[in-house]
Amino acid sequence: MTDNTERKTMDKEGLRHDIERAINANSAEAGSNTPDFILAEYLVDCIAAFDKSSTRREQWYGVKQSPGQKRGEVAVFFQDGNQQCAVRPDFINLQESLAGFGDTNAKALEALEASEREDR
């Protein structure tokens, strides 16, 4: 499972400046009569809030979205003895399908992803 320290951090100031310029260049502030720098700051804050919510969702479900991961590429978790087991939805059985095991859903998913990388 990743946390915010492992994720690439955004350059908030650079992003805010780029958004501010785009708002100004397109007169996008005209509709609300709000200065471009206020709108840009609001949009950067929205992105940061969404990132935080996405991270919390991943922690809650024990599912980590990876760059390049296809939409719908999810793991299914079940208890196997004293371990959590992560498999893909097309799982057949432990002899024919890849699986990952760990003390938590997050650890099981990491093990599954590692076995998928090795299997390529």
Protein backbone atom coordinates (compact mmCIF):
# COMPACT_ATOMS: atom_id res chain seq x y z
CA MET A 1 0.00 0.00 0.00
CA THR A 2 1.33 3.40 -0.80
CA ASP A 3 0.92 6.48 1.27
CA ASN A 4 1.28 10.12 0.29
CA THR A 5 5.04 10.11 0.92
CA GLU A 6 5.55 7.52 -1.81
CA ARG A 7 3.41 9.32 -4.36
CA LYS A 8 4.82 11.97 -6.60
CA THR A 9 4.00 15.29 -4.99
CA MET A 10 2.56 17.99 -7.17
CA ASP A 11 4.22 21.36 -7.58
CA LYS A 12 1.26 23.31 -6.20
CA GLU A 13 2.75 26.72 -6.88
CA GLY A 14 3.71 25.87 -10.46
CA LEU A 15 0.33 24.30 -11.12
CA ARG A 16 -1.49 27.25 -9.59
CA HIS A 17 0.49 29.64 -11.79
CA ASP A 18 -0.24 27.60 -14.94
CA ILE A 19 -3.97 27.43 -14.14
CA GLU A 20 -4.03 31.15 -13.36
CA ARG A 21 -2.48 31.91 -16.76
CA ALA A 22 -4.95 29.61 -18.55
CA ILE A 23 -7.92 31.21 -16.75
CA ASN A 24 -6.67 34.66 -17.64
CA ALA A 25 -5.86 33.79 -21.28
CA ASN A 26 -9.37 32.43 -21.79
CA SER A 27 -11.18 35.08 -19.71
CA ALA A 28 -12.63 32.20 -17.70
CA GLU A 29 -12.94 34.45 -14.63
CA ALA A 30 -15.47 36.68 -16.38
CA GLY A 31 -18.50 34.51 -15.59
CA SER A 32 -18.07 34.70 -11.83
CA ASN A 33 -16.17 37.99 -11.69
CA THR A 34 -13.62 36.23 -9.48
CA PRO A 35 -9.92 37.04 -9.87
CA ASP A 36 -7.94 34.38 -11.74
CA PHE A 37 -5.55 33.77 -8.80
CA ILE A 38 -8.49 32.95 -6.47
CA LEU A 39 -9.98 30.51 -8.98
CA ALA A 40 -6.57 28.91 -9.58
CA GLU A 41 -6.00 28.47 -5.84
CA TYR A 42 -9.46 26.92 -5.46
CA LEU A 43 -8.81 24.42 -8.29
CA VAL A 44 -5.42 23.39 -6.87
CA ASP A 45 -7.09 22.88 -3.47
CA CYS A 46 -9.75 20.72 -5.15
CA ILE A 47 -7.07 18.51 -6.71
CA ALA A 48 -5.31 18.14 -3.34
CA ALA A 49 -8.62 17.23 -1.64
CA PHE A 50 -9.39 14.66 -4.34
CA ASP A 51 -5.90 13.12 -3.96
CA LYS A 52 -6.41 12.84 -0.20
CA SER A 53 -9.85 11.25 -0.66
CA SER A 54 -8.49 8.80 -3.24
CA THR A 55 -5.72 7.75 -0.87
CA ARG A 56 -8.20 7.22 1.96
CA ARG A 57 -10.44 5.16 -0.37
CA GLU A 58 -7.47 2.96 -1.35
CA GLN A 59 -6.60 2.46 2.33
CA TRP A 60 -10.19 1.60 3.20
CA TYR A 61 -10.57 -0.99 0.43
CA GLY A 62 -6.98 -2.21 0.54
CA VAL A 63 -6.69 -1.57 -3.20
CA LYS A 64 -3.87 0.42 -4.72
CA GLN A 65 -4.31 2.03 -8.13
CA SER A 66 -1.08 1.90 -10.07
CA PRO A 67 -0.08 4.05 -13.04
CA GLY A 68 -1.13 2.25 -16.21
CA GLN A 69 -3.57 0.03 -14.34
CA LYS A 70 -6.60 -0.71 -16.46
CA ARG A 71 -9.95 0.47 -15.23
CA GLY A 72 -11.73 -2.35 -13.50
CA GLU A 73 -8.47 -4.21 -12.80
CA VAL A 74 -9.32 -5.00 -9.21
CA ALA A 75 -8.42 -7.60 -6.67
CA VAL A 76 -10.73 -9.89 -4.73
CA PHE A 77 -9.76 -10.73 -1.16
CA PHE A 78 -10.52 -13.74 0.99
CA GLN A 79 -9.17 -15.37 4.12
CA ASP A 80 -6.99 -18.45 3.58
CA GLY A 81 -5.92 -19.91 6.90
CA ASN A 82 -4.39 -17.07 8.89
CA GLN A 83 -3.53 -15.01 5.79
CA GLN A 84 -5.41 -12.68 3.48
CA CYS A 85 -5.35 -13.76 -0.15
CA ALA A 86 -5.62 -11.40 -3.13
CA VAL A 87 -6.67 -12.66 -6.56
CA ARG A 88 -8.07 -11.18 -9.75
CA PRO A 89 -11.77 -11.54 -10.65
CA ASP A 90 -10.95 -14.25 -13.23
CA PHE A 91 -9.43 -16.46 -10.48
CA ILE A 92 -9.93 -20.19 -11.02
CA ASN A 93 -7.98 -21.86 -8.21
CA LEU A 94 -4.60 -21.58 -6.46
CA GLN A 95 -3.01 -24.12 -8.81
CA GLU A 96 -4.05 -22.33 -12.04
CA SER A 97 -4.22 -18.65 -11.07
CA LEU A 98 -1.85 -16.11 -9.58
CA ALA A 99 -2.46 -15.09 -5.98
CA GLY A 100 -0.80 -13.03 -3.28
CA PHE A 101 -0.80 -13.62 0.45
CA GLY A 102 -0.18 -11.32 3.38
CA ASP A 103 -1.21 -10.35 6.88
CA THR A 104 -3.41 -7.57 5.46
CA ASN A 105 -5.29 -6.94 2.23
CA ALA A 106 -2.65 -4.39 1.28
CA LYS A 107 0.21 -6.88 1.79
CA ALA A 108 -1.68 -9.56 -0.12
CA LEU A 109 -2.25 -7.15 -3.02
CA GLU A 110 1.45 -6.21 -3.06
CA ALA A 111 2.34 -9.91 -3.22
CA LEU A 112 -0.18 -10.48 -6.05
CA GLU A 113 1.24 -7.57 -8.05
CA ALA A 114 4.79 -8.87 -7.49
CA SER A 115 3.81 -12.33 -8.75
CA GLU A 116 2.16 -10.72 -11.80
CA ARG A 117 5.36 -8.82 -12.60
CA GLU A 118 7.40 -12.05 -12.28
CA ASP A 119 4.90 -13.90 -14.52
CA ARG A 120 5.26 -11.43 -17.42
